Amino acid sequence: MRFICFFLIYVMLTVHALAGSADVEGVKVTREAAGTYRFDVTIRHQDDGWKHYANKWEVILPSGEVIATRILHHPHVDEQPFTRSLSGVKIPEDIKMVKVRGHDNVHGAGHSIFEVEIIR
């Protein structure tokens, strides 16, 4: 009986971990009139509810500095992949490329980092 209990706990934890990381599948960057940028980012994550979901994505300079974060306020269980936008992102003039990384509330930063060329 004890073995069965441990086995069931192990299976539940394993299934929870299999939801994996929040991975960026696509990024569209548009220059706005004010000289800032709009990011439309597509994320895939096997959200399974409030206990494990993609909770944000970040725009990162080559130096590793996070310059913008789009908070995702709820799970997207039935909407995969999903795209969310962030406007007004200021990118220093000397920067020609940024990275976009997903994040979930269990594993943290996603495995895939999407590099995007900045067109001036």
PDB file of N, CA and C in Angstrom:
ATOM      1  N   MET A   1       0.813  -1.188   0.000  1.00  0.00           N
ATOM      2  CA  MET A   1       0.000   0.000   0.000  1.00  0.00           C
ATOM      3  C   MET A   1       0.860   1.257   0.000  1.00  0.00           C
ATOM      4  N   ARG A   2       1.908   1.249   0.812  1.00  0.00           N
ATOM      5  CA  ARG A   2       2.799   2.396   0.896  1.00  0.00           C
ATOM      6  C   ARG A   2       3.451   2.651  -0.470  1.00  0.00           C
ATOM      7  N   PHE A   3       3.845   1.580  -1.146  1.00  0.00           N
ATOM      8  CA  PHE A   3       4.445   1.694  -2.476  1.00  0.00           C
ATOM      9  C   PHE A   3       3.482   2.367  -3.453  1.00  0.00           C
ATOM     10  N   ILE A   4       2.233   1.984  -3.409  1.00  0.00           N
ATOM     11  CA  ILE A   4       1.231   2.557  -4.312  1.00  0.00           C
ATOM     12  C   ILE A   4       1.073   4.048  -4.046  1.00  0.00           C
ATOM     13  N   CYS A   5       1.044   4.458  -2.780  1.00  0.00           N
ATOM     14  CA  CYS A   5       0.925   5.887  -2.440  1.00  0.00           C
ATOM     15  C   CYS A   5       2.116   6.673  -2.987  1.00  0.00           C
ATOM     16  N   PHE A   6       3.332   6.144  -2.764  1.00  0.00           N
ATOM     17  CA  PHE A   6       4.517   6.823  -3.271  1.00  0.00           C
ATOM     18  C   PHE A   6       4.506   6.887  -4.796  1.00  0.00           C
ATOM     19  N   PHE A   7       4.077   5.809  -5.419  1.00  0.00           N
ATOM     20  CA  PHE A   7       4.007   5.774  -6.878  1.00  0.00           C
ATOM     21  C   PHE A   7       3.028   6.821  -7.403  1.00  0.00           C
ATOM     22  N   LEU A   8       1.855   6.928  -6.794  1.00  0.00           N
ATOM     23  CA  LEU A   8       0.862   7.913  -7.227  1.00  0.00           C
ATOM     24  C   LEU A   8       1.368   9.340  -7.045  1.00  0.00           C
ATOM     25  N   ILE A   9       2.037   9.601  -5.946  1.00  0.00           N
ATOM     26  CA  ILE A   9       2.612  10.939  -5.732  1.00  0.00           C
ATOM     27  C   ILE A   9       3.663  11.223  -6.796  1.00  0.00           C
ATOM     28  N   TYR A  10       4.509  10.262  -7.081  1.00  0.00           N
ATOM     29  CA  TYR A  10       5.538  10.427  -8.113  1.00  0.00           C
ATOM     30  C   TYR A  10       4.903  10.719  -9.472  1.00  0.00           C
ATOM     31  N   VAL A  11       3.871   9.989  -9.837  1.00  0.00           N
ATOM     32  CA  VAL A  11       3.196  10.196 -11.122  1.00  0.00           C
ATOM     33  C   VAL A  11       2.586  11.587 -11.185  1.00  0.00           C
ATOM     34  N   MET A  12       1.930  12.021 -10.122  1.00  0.00           N
ATOM     35  CA  MET A  12       1.314  13.350 -10.119  1.00  0.00           C
ATOM     36  C   MET A  12       2.367  14.440 -10.268  1.00  0.00           C
ATOM     37  N   LEU A  13       3.482  14.320  -9.573  1.00  0.00           N
ATOM     38  CA  LEU A  13       4.552  15.315  -9.686  1.00  0.00           C
ATOM     39  C   LEU A  13       5.183  15.294 -11.071  1.00  0.00           C
ATOM     40  N   THR A  14       5.345  14.122 -11.635  1.00  0.00           N
ATOM     41  CA  THR A  14       5.929  14.002 -12.969  1.00  0.00           C
ATOM     42  C   THR A  14       5.021  14.618 -14.013  1.00  0.00           C
ATOM     43  N   VAL A  15       3.742  14.343 -13.945  1.00  0.00           N
ATOM     44  CA  VAL A  15       2.801  14.914 -14.911  1.00  0.00           C
ATOM     45  C   VAL A  15       2.795  16.425 -14.797  1.00  0.00           C
ATOM     46  N   HIS A  16       2.842  16.943 -13.579  1.00  0.00           N
ATOM     47  CA  HIS A  16       2.870  18.394 -13.375  1.00  0.00           C
ATOM     48  C   HIS A  16       4.136  18.985 -14.005  1.00  0.00           C
ATOM     49  N   ALA A  17       5.266  18.325 -13.847  1.00  0.00           N
ATOM     50  CA  ALA A  17       6.522  18.822 -14.405  1.00  0.00           C
ATOM     51  C   ALA A  17       6.558  18.736 -15.917  1.00  0.00           C
ATOM     52  N   LEU A  18       5.805  17.817 -16.508  1.00  0.00           N
ATOM     53  CA  LEU A  18       5.832  17.643 -17.951  1.00  0.00           C
ATOM     54  C   LEU A  18       5.205  18.799 -18.716  1.00  0.00           C
ATOM     55  N   ALA A  19       4.516  19.683 -18.035  1.00  0.00           N
ATOM     56  CA  ALA A  19       3.944  20.839 -18.723  1.00  0.00           C
ATOM     57  C   ALA A  19       5.048  21.673 -19.341  1.00  0.00           C
ATOM     58  N   GLY A  20       6.268  21.527 -18.865  1.00  0.00           N
ATOM     59  CA  GLY A  20       7.418  22.144 -19.499  1.00  0.00           C
ATOM     60  C   GLY A  20       7.497  23.639 -19.335  1.00  0.00           C
ATOM     61  N   SER A  21       8.396  24.204 -20.114  1.00  0.00           N
ATOM     62  CA  SER A  21       8.654  25.631 -20.014  1.00  0.00           C
ATOM     63  C   SER A  21       7.800  26.410 -21.008  1.00  0.00           C
ATOM     64  N   ALA A  22       7.732  27.700 -20.781  1.00  0.00           N
ATOM     65  CA  ALA A  22       7.008  28.603 -21.680  1.00  0.00           C
ATOM     66  C   ALA A  22       7.965  28.985 -22.805  1.00  0.00           C
ATOM     67  N   ASP A  23       7.699  28.490 -23.996  1.00  0.00           N
ATOM     68  CA  ASP A  23       8.611  28.711 -25.114  1.00  0.00           C
ATOM     69  C   ASP A  23       8.047  29.694 -26.125  1.00  0.00           C
ATOM     70  N   VAL A  24       8.901  30.598 -26.567  1.00  0.00           N
ATOM     71  CA  VAL A  24       8.521  31.587 -27.571  1.00  0.00           C
ATOM     72  C   VAL A  24       8.547  30.925 -28.938  1.00  0.00           C
ATOM     73  N   GLU A  25       7.438  31.026 -29.669  1.00  0.00           N
ATOM     74  CA  GLU A  25       7.356  30.442 -31.012  1.00  0.00           C
ATOM     75  C   GLU A  25       7.451  31.486 -32.109  1.00  0.00           C
ATOM     76  N   GLY A  26       7.183  32.734 -31.788  1.00  0.00           N
ATOM     77  CA  GLY A  26       7.242  33.771 -32.806  1.00  0.00           C
ATOM     78  C   GLY A  26       7.196  35.146 -32.193  1.00  0.00           C
ATOM     79  N   VAL A  27       7.818  36.097 -32.895  1.00  0.00           N
ATOM     80  CA  VAL A  27       7.836  37.487 -32.441  1.00  0.00           C
ATOM     81  C   VAL A  27       7.713  38.392 -33.655  1.00  0.00           C
ATOM     82  N   LYS A  28       6.822  39.366 -33.562  1.00  0.00           N
ATOM     83  CA  LYS A  28       6.699  40.409 -34.574  1.00  0.00           C
ATOM     84  C   LYS A  28       6.975  41.738 -33.875  1.00  0.00           C
ATOM     85  N   VAL A  29       7.907  42.510 -34.429  1.00  0.00           N
ATOM     86  CA  VAL A  29       8.258  43.805 -33.856  1.00  0.00           C
ATOM     87  C   VAL A  29       7.869  44.894 -34.846  1.00  0.00           C
ATOM     88  N   THR A  30       7.147  45.894 -34.356  1.00  0.00           N
ATOM     89  CA  THR A  30       6.698  47.006 -35.195  1.00  0.00           C
ATOM     90  C   THR A  30       7.153  48.319 -34.570  1.00  0.00           C
ATOM     91  N   ARG A  31       7.783  49.174 -35.380  1.00  0.00           N
ATOM     92  CA  ARG A  31       8.194  50.494 -34.889  1.00  0.00           C
ATOM     93  C   ARG A  31       6.959  51.378 -34.803  1.00  0.00           C
ATOM     94  N   GLU A  32       6.792  52.046 -33.664  1.00  0.00           N
ATOM     95  CA  GLU A  32       5.669  52.940 -33.444  1.00  0.00           C
ATOM     96  C   GLU A  32       6.055  54.380 -33.756  1.00  0.00           C
ATOM     97  N   ALA A  33       5.070  55.228 -33.925  1.00  0.00           N
ATOM     98  CA  ALA A  33       5.298  56.629 -34.304  1.00  0.00           C
ATOM     99  C   ALA A  33       6.203  57.363 -33.312  1.00  0.00           C
ATOM    100  N   ALA A  34       6.126  57.051 -32.053  1.00  0.00           N
ATOM    101  CA  ALA A  34       6.909  57.739 -31.025  1.00  0.00           C
ATOM    102  C   ALA A  34       8.357  57.250 -30.957  1.00  0.00           C
ATOM    103  N   GLY A  35       8.733  56.323 -31.857  1.00  0.00           N
ATOM    104  CA  GLY A  35      10.094  55.784 -31.830  1.00  0.00           C
ATOM    105  C   GLY A  35      10.243  54.603 -30.891  1.00  0.00           C
ATOM    106  N   THR A  36       9.144  54.191 -30.284  1.00  0.00           N
ATOM    107  CA  THR A  36       9.156  52.989 -29.454  1.00  0.00           C
ATOM    108  C   THR A  36       8.736  51.802 -30.320  1.00  0.00           C
ATOM    109  N   TYR A  37       8.647  50.629 -29.726  1.00  0.00           N
ATOM    110  CA  TYR A  37       8.329  49.420 -30.484  1.00  0.00           C
ATOM    111  C   TYR A  37       7.191  48.647 -29.832  1.00  0.00           C
ATOM    112  N   ARG A  38       6.426  47.981 -30.691  1.00  0.00           N
ATOM    113  CA  ARG A  38       5.367  47.075 -30.248  1.00  0.00           C
ATOM    114  C   ARG A  38       5.848  45.653 -30.522  1.00  0.00           C
ATOM    115  N   PHE A  39       5.713  44.794 -29.525  1.00  0.00           N
ATOM    116  CA  PHE A  39       6.076  43.385 -29.643  1.00  0.00           C
ATOM    117  C   PHE A  39       4.808  42.544 -29.590  1.00  0.00           C
ATOM    118  N   ASP A  40       4.617  41.688 -30.594  1.00  0.00           N
ATOM    119  CA  ASP A  40       3.555  40.686 -30.604  1.00  0.00           C
ATOM    120  C   ASP A  40       4.262  39.341 -30.472  1.00  0.00           C
ATOM    121  N   VAL A  41       4.072  38.693 -29.345  1.00  0.00           N
ATOM    122  CA  VAL A  41       4.831  37.488 -29.007  1.00  0.00           C
ATOM    123  C   VAL A  41       3.894  36.289 -28.873  1.00  0.00           C
ATOM    124  N   THR A  42       4.258  35.209 -29.563  1.00  0.00           N
ATOM    125  CA  THR A  42       3.489  33.967 -29.499  1.00  0.00           C
ATOM    126  C   THR A  42       4.217  32.990 -28.588  1.00  0.00           C
ATOM    127  N   ILE A  43       3.495  32.501 -27.585  1.00  0.00           N
ATOM    128  CA  ILE A  43       4.037  31.592 -26.569  1.00  0.00           C
ATOM    129  C   ILE A  43       3.280  30.265 -26.629  1.00  0.00           C
ATOM    130  N   ARG A  44       4.012  29.179 -26.423  1.00  0.00           N
ATOM    131  CA  ARG A  44       3.376  27.864 -26.264  1.00  0.00           C
ATOM    132  C   ARG A  44       3.795  27.317 -24.897  1.00  0.00           C
ATOM    133  N   HIS A  45       2.789  26.893 -24.149  1.00  0.00           N
ATOM    134  CA  HIS A  45       3.033  26.277 -22.843  1.00  0.00           C
ATOM    135  C   HIS A  45       1.823  25.429 -22.513  1.00  0.00           C
ATOM    136  N   GLN A  46       2.038  24.283 -21.963  1.00  0.00           N
ATOM    137  CA  GLN A  46       0.931  23.396 -21.615  1.00  0.00           C
ATOM    138  C   GLN A  46       0.332  23.823 -20.279  1.00  0.00           C
ATOM    139  N   ASP A  47      -0.282  25.009 -20.277  1.00  0.00           N
ATOM    140  CA  ASP A  47      -0.922  25.509 -19.061  1.00  0.00           C
ATOM    141  C   ASP A  47      -1.901  24.463 -18.548  1.00  0.00           C
ATOM    142  N   ASP A  48      -1.872  24.227 -17.244  1.00  0.00           N
ATOM    143  CA  ASP A  48      -2.842  23.277 -16.682  1.00  0.00           C
ATOM    144  C   ASP A  48      -3.662  23.912 -15.565  1.00  0.00           C
ATOM    145  N   GLY A  49      -3.737  25.216 -15.563  1.00  0.00           N
ATOM    146  CA  GLY A  49      -4.523  25.931 -14.563  1.00  0.00           C
ATOM    147  C   GLY A  49      -3.658  26.906 -13.793  1.00  0.00           C
ATOM    148  N   TRP A  50      -4.212  27.428 -12.717  1.00  0.00           N
ATOM    149  CA  TRP A  50      -3.538  28.475 -11.946  1.00  0.00           C
ATOM    150  C   TRP A  50      -2.246  28.011 -11.287  1.00  0.00           C
ATOM    151  N   LYS A  51      -2.090  26.718 -11.049  1.00  0.00           N
ATOM    152  CA  LYS A  51      -0.873  26.235 -10.380  1.00  0.00           C
ATOM    153  C   LYS A  51       0.325  26.150 -11.321  1.00  0.00           C
ATOM    154  N   HIS A  52       0.072  26.126 -12.647  1.00  0.00           N
ATOM    155  CA  HIS A  52       1.175  26.035 -13.608  1.00  0.00           C
ATOM    156  C   HIS A  52       0.743  26.640 -14.930  1.00  0.00           C
ATOM    157  N   TYR A  53       1.233  27.845 -15.202  1.00  0.00           N
ATOM    158  CA  TYR A  53       0.887  28.520 -16.452  1.00  0.00           C
ATOM    159  C   TYR A  53       1.984  29.507 -16.853  1.00  0.00           C
ATOM    160  N   ALA A  54       1.995  29.869 -18.131  1.00  0.00           N
ATOM    161  CA  ALA A  54       2.923  30.887 -18.629  1.00  0.00           C
ATOM    162  C   ALA A  54       2.478  32.215 -18.044  1.00  0.00           C
ATOM    163  N   ASN A  55       3.357  32.855 -17.267  1.00  0.00           N
ATOM    164  CA  ASN A  55       2.941  34.062 -16.556  1.00  0.00           C
ATOM    165  C   ASN A  55       3.595  35.353 -17.037  1.00  0.00           C
ATOM    166  N   LYS A  56       4.541  35.255 -17.986  1.00  0.00           N
ATOM    167  CA  LYS A  56       5.111  36.481 -18.539  1.00  0.00           C
ATOM    168  C   LYS A  56       6.055  36.158 -19.687  1.00  0.00           C
ATOM    169  N   TRP A  57       6.406  37.215 -20.438  1.00  0.00           N
ATOM    170  CA  TRP A  57       7.519  37.138 -21.373  1.00  0.00           C
ATOM    171  C   TRP A  57       8.312  38.427 -21.248  1.00  0.00           C
ATOM    172  N   GLU A  58       9.596  38.363 -21.636  1.00  0.00           N
ATOM    173  CA  GLU A  58      10.516  39.481 -21.437  1.00  0.00           C
ATOM    174  C   GLU A  58      11.267  39.817 -22.717  1.00  0.00           C
ATOM    175  N   VAL A  59      11.588  41.102 -22.860  1.00  0.00           N
ATOM    176  CA  VAL A  59      12.469  41.582 -23.928  1.00  0.00           C
ATOM    177  C   VAL A  59      13.815  41.865 -23.263  1.00  0.00           C
ATOM    178  N   ILE A  60      14.883  41.295 -23.839  1.00  0.00           N
ATOM    179  CA  ILE A  60      16.193  41.310 -23.203  1.00  0.00           C
ATOM    180  C   ILE A  60      17.245  41.872 -24.159  1.00  0.00           C
ATOM    181  N   LEU A  61      18.074  42.771 -23.662  1.00  0.00           N
ATOM    182  CA  LEU A  61      19.198  43.297 -24.452  1.00  0.00           C
ATOM    183  C   LEU A  61      20.290  42.242 -24.557  1.00  0.00           C
ATOM    184  N   PRO A  62      21.216  42.389 -25.528  1.00  0.00           N
ATOM    185  CA  PRO A  62      22.330  41.429 -25.638  1.00  0.00           C
ATOM    186  C   PRO A  62      23.152  41.328 -24.344  1.00  0.00           C
ATOM    187  N   SER A  63      23.171  42.387 -23.543  1.00  0.00           N
ATOM    188  CA  SER A  63      23.915  42.385 -22.278  1.00  0.00           C
ATOM    189  C   SER A  63      23.245  41.520 -21.215  1.00  0.00           C
ATOM    190  N   GLY A  64      21.974  41.122 -21.457  1.00  0.00           N
ATOM    191  CA  GLY A  64      21.225  40.346 -20.484  1.00  0.00           C
ATOM    192  C   GLY A  64      20.232  41.173 -19.681  1.00  0.00           C
ATOM    193  N   GLU A  65      20.243  42.488 -19.855  1.00  0.00           N
ATOM    194  CA  GLU A  65      19.321  43.364 -19.135  1.00  0.00           C
ATOM    195  C   GLU A  65      17.899  43.228 -19.687  1.00  0.00           C
ATOM    196  N   VAL A  66      16.950  43.003 -18.805  1.00  0.00           N
ATOM    197  CA  VAL A  66      15.542  42.947 -19.187  1.00  0.00           C
ATOM    198  C   VAL A  66      15.036  44.378 -19.297  1.00  0.00           C
ATOM    199  N   ILE A  67      14.532  44.742 -20.506  1.00  0.00           N
ATOM    200  CA  ILE A  67      14.067  46.118 -20.700  1.00  0.00           C
ATOM    201  C   ILE A  67      12.549  46.234 -20.761  1.00  0.00           C
ATOM    202  N   ALA A  68      11.852  45.116 -20.886  1.00  0.00           N
ATOM    203  CA  ALA A  68      10.393  45.144 -20.905  1.00  0.00           C
ATOM    204  C   ALA A  68       9.857  43.782 -20.494  1.00  0.00           C
ATOM    205  N   THR A  69       8.725  43.797 -19.809  1.00  0.00           N
ATOM    206  CA  THR A  69       8.076  42.561 -19.374  1.00  0.00           C
ATOM    207  C   THR A  69       6.578  42.668 -19.627  1.00  0.00           C
ATOM    208  N   ARG A  70       6.022  41.635 -20.240  1.00  0.00           N
ATOM    209  CA  ARG A  70       4.573  41.553 -20.444  1.00  0.00           C
ATOM    210  C   ARG A  70       4.054  40.495 -19.475  1.00  0.00           C
ATOM    211  N   ILE A  71       3.335  40.940 -18.459  1.00  0.00           N
ATOM    212  CA  ILE A  71       2.754  40.024 -17.483  1.00  0.00           C
ATOM    213  C   ILE A  71       1.520  39.366 -18.101  1.00  0.00           C
ATOM    214  N   LEU A  72       1.403  38.066 -17.914  1.00  0.00           N
ATOM    215  CA  LEU A  72       0.246  37.302 -18.370  1.00  0.00           C
ATOM    216  C   LEU A  72      -0.547  36.951 -17.117  1.00  0.00           C
ATOM    217  N   HIS A  73      -1.754  37.500 -17.005  1.00  0.00           N
ATOM    218  CA  HIS A  73      -2.486  37.494 -15.748  1.00  0.00           C
ATOM    219  C   HIS A  73      -3.314  36.244 -15.472  1.00  0.00           C
ATOM    220  N   HIS A  74      -3.383  35.311 -16.426  1.00  0.00           N
ATOM    221  CA  HIS A  74      -4.204  34.119 -16.208  1.00  0.00           C
ATOM    222  C   HIS A  74      -3.725  32.988 -17.106  1.00  0.00           C
ATOM    223  N   PRO A  75      -4.098  31.749 -16.794  1.00  0.00           N
ATOM    224  CA  PRO A  75      -3.737  30.605 -17.636  1.00  0.00           C
ATOM    225  C   PRO A  75      -4.450  30.662 -18.988  1.00  0.00           C
ATOM    226  N   HIS A  76      -3.835  30.056 -19.982  1.00  0.00           N
ATOM    227  CA  HIS A  76      -4.405  29.941 -21.330  1.00  0.00           C
ATOM    228  C   HIS A  76      -4.529  28.466 -21.685  1.00  0.00           C
ATOM    229  N   VAL A  77      -5.289  27.743 -20.881  1.00  0.00           N
ATOM    230  CA  VAL A  77      -5.403  26.291 -20.998  1.00  0.00           C
ATOM    231  C   VAL A  77      -5.930  25.883 -22.369  1.00  0.00           C
ATOM    232  N   ASP A  78      -6.973  26.541 -22.844  1.00  0.00           N
ATOM    233  CA  ASP A  78      -7.615  26.160 -24.107  1.00  0.00           C
ATOM    234  C   ASP A  78      -7.210  27.042 -25.280  1.00  0.00           C
ATOM    235  N   GLU A  79      -6.135  27.795 -25.142  1.00  0.00           N
ATOM    236  CA  GLU A  79      -5.690  28.705 -26.205  1.00  0.00           C
ATOM    237  C   GLU A  79      -4.182  28.538 -26.377  1.00  0.00           C
ATOM    238  N   GLN A  80      -3.780  27.584 -27.173  1.00  0.00           N
ATOM    239  CA  GLN A  80      -2.352  27.294 -27.374  1.00  0.00           C
ATOM    240  C   GLN A  80      -2.039  27.118 -28.842  1.00  0.00           C
ATOM    241  N   PRO A  81      -0.975  27.699 -29.348  1.00  0.00           N
ATOM    242  CA  PRO A  81      -0.237  28.764 -28.682  1.00  0.00           C
ATOM    243  C   PRO A  81      -1.084  30.034 -28.633  1.00  0.00           C
ATOM    244  N   PHE A  82      -0.627  31.023 -27.881  1.00  0.00           N
ATOM    245  CA  PHE A  82      -1.359  32.278 -27.797  1.00  0.00           C
ATOM    246  C   PHE A  82      -0.406  33.449 -28.022  1.00  0.00           C
ATOM    247  N   THR A  83      -0.953  34.566 -28.494  1.00  0.00           N
ATOM    248  CA  THR A  83      -0.154  35.756 -28.785  1.00  0.00           C
ATOM    249  C   THR A  83      -0.657  36.915 -27.935  1.00  0.00           C
ATOM    250  N   ARG A  84       0.287  37.620 -27.316  1.00  0.00           N
ATOM    251  CA  ARG A  84      -0.030  38.820 -26.558  1.00  0.00           C
ATOM    252  C   ARG A  84       0.954  39.915 -26.942  1.00  0.00           C
ATOM    253  N   SER A  85       0.512  41.159 -26.802  1.00  0.00           N
ATOM    254  CA  SER A  85       1.288  42.302 -27.278  1.00  0.00           C
ATOM    255  C   SER A  85       1.722  43.202 -26.131  1.00  0.00           C
ATOM    256  N   LEU A  86       2.765  43.974 -26.418  1.00  0.00           N
ATOM    257  CA  LEU A  86       3.239  45.009 -25.505  1.00  0.00           C
ATOM    258  C   LEU A  86       3.735  46.168 -26.352  1.00  0.00           C
ATOM    259  N   SER A  87       3.183  47.343 -26.125  1.00  0.00           N
ATOM    260  CA  SER A  87       3.578  48.546 -26.862  1.00  0.00           C
ATOM    261  C   SER A  87       4.434  49.443 -25.981  1.00  0.00           C
ATOM    262  N   GLY A  88       5.096  50.418 -26.633  1.00  0.00           N
ATOM    263  CA  GLY A  88       5.860  51.417 -25.897  1.00  0.00           C
ATOM    264  C   GLY A  88       7.208  50.957 -25.402  1.00  0.00           C
ATOM    265  N   VAL A  89       7.758  49.909 -26.003  1.00  0.00           N
ATOM    266  CA  VAL A  89       9.062  49.392 -25.567  1.00  0.00           C
ATOM    267  C   VAL A  89      10.166  50.295 -26.134  1.00  0.00           C
ATOM    268  N   LYS A  90      10.976  50.854 -25.247  1.00  0.00           N
ATOM    269  CA  LYS A  90      12.092  51.723 -25.645  1.00  0.00           C
ATOM    270  C   LYS A  90      13.342  50.876 -25.804  1.00  0.00           C
ATOM    271  N   ILE A  91      13.949  50.971 -26.984  1.00  0.00           N
ATOM    272  CA  ILE A  91      15.169  50.219 -27.273  1.00  0.00           C
ATOM    273  C   ILE A  91      16.265  51.218 -27.594  1.00  0.00           C
ATOM    274  N   PRO A  92      17.393  51.157 -26.894  1.00  0.00           N
ATOM    275  CA  PRO A  92      18.489  52.093 -27.164  1.00  0.00           C
ATOM    276  C   PRO A  92      18.892  52.087 -28.644  1.00  0.00           C
ATOM    277  N   GLU A  93      19.261  53.251 -29.161  1.00  0.00           N
ATOM    278  CA  GLU A  93      19.584  53.423 -30.584  1.00  0.00           C
ATOM    279  C   GLU A  93      20.694  52.496 -31.072  1.00  0.00           C
ATOM    280  N   ASP A  94      21.661  52.173 -30.226  1.00  0.00           N
ATOM    281  CA  ASP A  94      22.792  51.353 -30.669  1.00  0.00           C
ATOM    282  C   ASP A  94      22.478  49.856 -30.690  1.00  0.00           C
ATOM    283  N   ILE A  95      21.296  49.460 -30.270  1.00  0.00           N
ATOM    284  CA  ILE A  95      20.926  48.044 -30.204  1.00  0.00           C
ATOM    285  C   ILE A  95      20.301  47.605 -31.526  1.00  0.00           C
ATOM    286  N   LYS A  96      20.842  46.545 -32.109  1.00  0.00           N
ATOM    287  CA  LYS A  96      20.355  46.036 -33.388  1.00  0.00           C
ATOM    288  C   LYS A  96      19.606  44.701 -33.264  1.00  0.00           C
ATOM    289  N   MET A  97      19.678  44.101 -32.063  1.00  0.00           N
ATOM    290  CA  MET A  97      19.034  42.810 -31.840  1.00  0.00           C
ATOM    291  C   MET A  97      18.641  42.709 -30.375  1.00  0.00           C
ATOM    292  N   VAL A  98      17.464  42.120 -30.125  1.00  0.00           N
ATOM    293  CA  VAL A  98      17.043  41.813 -28.759  1.00  0.00           C
ATOM    294  C   VAL A  98      16.616  40.347 -28.707  1.00  0.00           C
ATOM    295  N   LYS A  99      16.454  39.853 -27.509  1.00  0.00           N
ATOM    296  CA  LYS A  99      15.984  38.490 -27.297  1.00  0.00           C
ATOM    297  C   LYS A  99      14.645  38.556 -26.576  1.00  0.00           C
ATOM    298  N   VAL A 100      13.794  37.578 -26.844  1.00  0.00           N
ATOM    299  CA  VAL A 100      12.508  37.468 -26.157  1.00  0.00           C
ATOM    300  C   VAL A 100      12.446  36.078 -25.537  1.00  0.00           C
ATOM    301  N   ARG A 101      12.086  36.054 -24.254  1.00  0.00           N
ATOM    302  CA  ARG A 101      12.082  34.800 -23.501  1.00  0.00           C
ATOM    303  C   ARG A 101      10.761  34.666 -22.737  1.00  0.00           C
ATOM    304  N   GLY A 102      10.161  33.475 -22.781  1.00  0.00           N
ATOM    305  CA  GLY A 102       8.959  33.184 -22.009  1.00  0.00           C
ATOM    306  C   GLY A 102       9.307  32.778 -20.597  1.00  0.00           C
ATOM    307  N   HIS A 103       8.289  32.685 -19.767  1.00  0.00           N
ATOM    308  CA  HIS A 103       8.478  32.381 -18.355  1.00  0.00           C
ATOM    309  C   HIS A 103       7.204  31.724 -17.843  1.00  0.00           C
ATOM    310  N   ASP A 104       7.337  30.741 -16.956  1.00  0.00           N
ATOM    311  CA  ASP A 104       6.137  30.201 -16.305  1.00  0.00           C
ATOM    312  C   ASP A 104       6.326  30.222 -14.795  1.00  0.00           C
ATOM    313  N   ASN A 105       5.234  30.082 -14.071  1.00  0.00           N
ATOM    314  CA  ASN A 105       5.270  30.259 -12.626  1.00  0.00           C
ATOM    315  C   ASN A 105       5.800  29.041 -11.862  1.00  0.00           C
ATOM    316  N   VAL A 106       6.215  27.992 -12.556  1.00  0.00           N
ATOM    317  CA  VAL A 106       6.811  26.831 -11.898  1.00  0.00           C
ATOM    318  C   VAL A 106       8.292  26.707 -12.257  1.00  0.00           C
ATOM    319  N   HIS A 107       8.607  26.713 -13.551  1.00  0.00           N
ATOM    320  CA  HIS A 107       9.977  26.474 -14.020  1.00  0.00           C
ATOM    321  C   HIS A 107      10.797  27.742 -14.208  1.00  0.00           C
ATOM    322  N   GLY A 108      10.154  28.891 -14.214  1.00  0.00           N
ATOM    323  CA  GLY A 108      10.887  30.128 -14.457  1.00  0.00           C
ATOM    324  C   GLY A 108      11.079  30.356 -15.951  1.00  0.00           C
ATOM    325  N   ALA A 109      12.270  30.798 -16.305  1.00  0.00           N
ATOM    326  CA  ALA A 109      12.573  31.152 -17.695  1.00  0.00           C
ATOM    327  C   ALA A 109      12.459  29.946 -18.619  1.00  0.00           C
ATOM    328  N   GLY A 110      11.886  30.178 -19.807  1.00  0.00           N
ATOM    329  CA  GLY A 110      11.726  29.123 -20.799  1.00  0.00           C
ATOM    330  C   GLY A 110      13.034  28.730 -21.442  1.00  0.00           C
ATOM    331  N   HIS A 111      13.027  27.589 -22.120  1.00  0.00           N
ATOM    332  CA  HIS A 111      14.242  27.082 -22.763  1.00  0.00           C
ATOM    333  C   HIS A 111      14.554  27.805 -24.062  1.00  0.00           C
ATOM    334  N   SER A 112      13.536  28.183 -24.803  1.00  0.00           N
ATOM    335  CA  SER A 112      13.795  28.824 -26.088  1.00  0.00           C
ATOM    336  C   SER A 112      13.884  30.334 -25.922  1.00  0.00           C
ATOM    337  N   ILE A 113      14.914  30.896 -26.508  1.00  0.00           N
ATOM    338  CA  ILE A 113      15.088  32.344 -26.533  1.00  0.00           C
ATOM    339  C   ILE A 113      15.060  32.751 -27.991  1.00  0.00           C
ATOM    340  N   PHE A 114      14.176  33.660 -28.311  1.00  0.00           N
ATOM    341  CA  PHE A 114      13.944  34.077 -29.687  1.00  0.00           C
ATOM    342  C   PHE A 114      14.704  35.367 -29.933  1.00  0.00           C
ATOM    343  N   GLU A 115      15.618  35.375 -30.904  1.00  0.00           N
ATOM    344  CA  GLU A 115      16.372  36.584 -31.240  1.00  0.00           C
ATOM    345  C   GLU A 115      15.654  37.337 -32.346  1.00  0.00           C
ATOM    346  N   VAL A 116      15.564  38.664 -32.193  1.00  0.00           N
ATOM    347  CA  VAL A 116      14.834  39.491 -33.125  1.00  0.00           C
ATOM    348  C   VAL A 116      15.696  40.667 -33.554  1.00  0.00           C
ATOM    349  N   GLU A 117      15.801  40.869 -34.864  1.00  0.00           N
ATOM    350  CA  GLU A 117      16.525  42.031 -35.386  1.00  0.00           C
ATOM    351  C   GLU A 117      15.637  43.264 -35.276  1.00  0.00           C
ATOM    352  N   ILE A 118      16.215  44.355 -34.848  1.00  0.00           N
ATOM    353  CA  ILE A 118      15.489  45.609 -34.716  1.00  0.00           C
ATOM    354  C   ILE A 118      15.749  46.446 -35.961  1.00  0.00           C
ATOM    355  N   ILE A 119      14.684  46.718 -36.698  1.00  0.00           N
ATOM    356  CA  ILE A 119      14.771  47.519 -37.930  1.00  0.00           C
ATOM    357  C   ILE A 119      14.495  48.970 -37.554  1.00  0.00           C
ATOM    358  N   ARG A 120      15.404  49.848 -37.865  1.00  0.00           N
ATOM    359  CA  ARG A 120      15.262  51.284 -37.535  1.00  0.00           C
ATOM    360  C   ARG A 120      14.690  52.060 -38.695  1.00  0.00           C
TER     361      ARG A 120
END
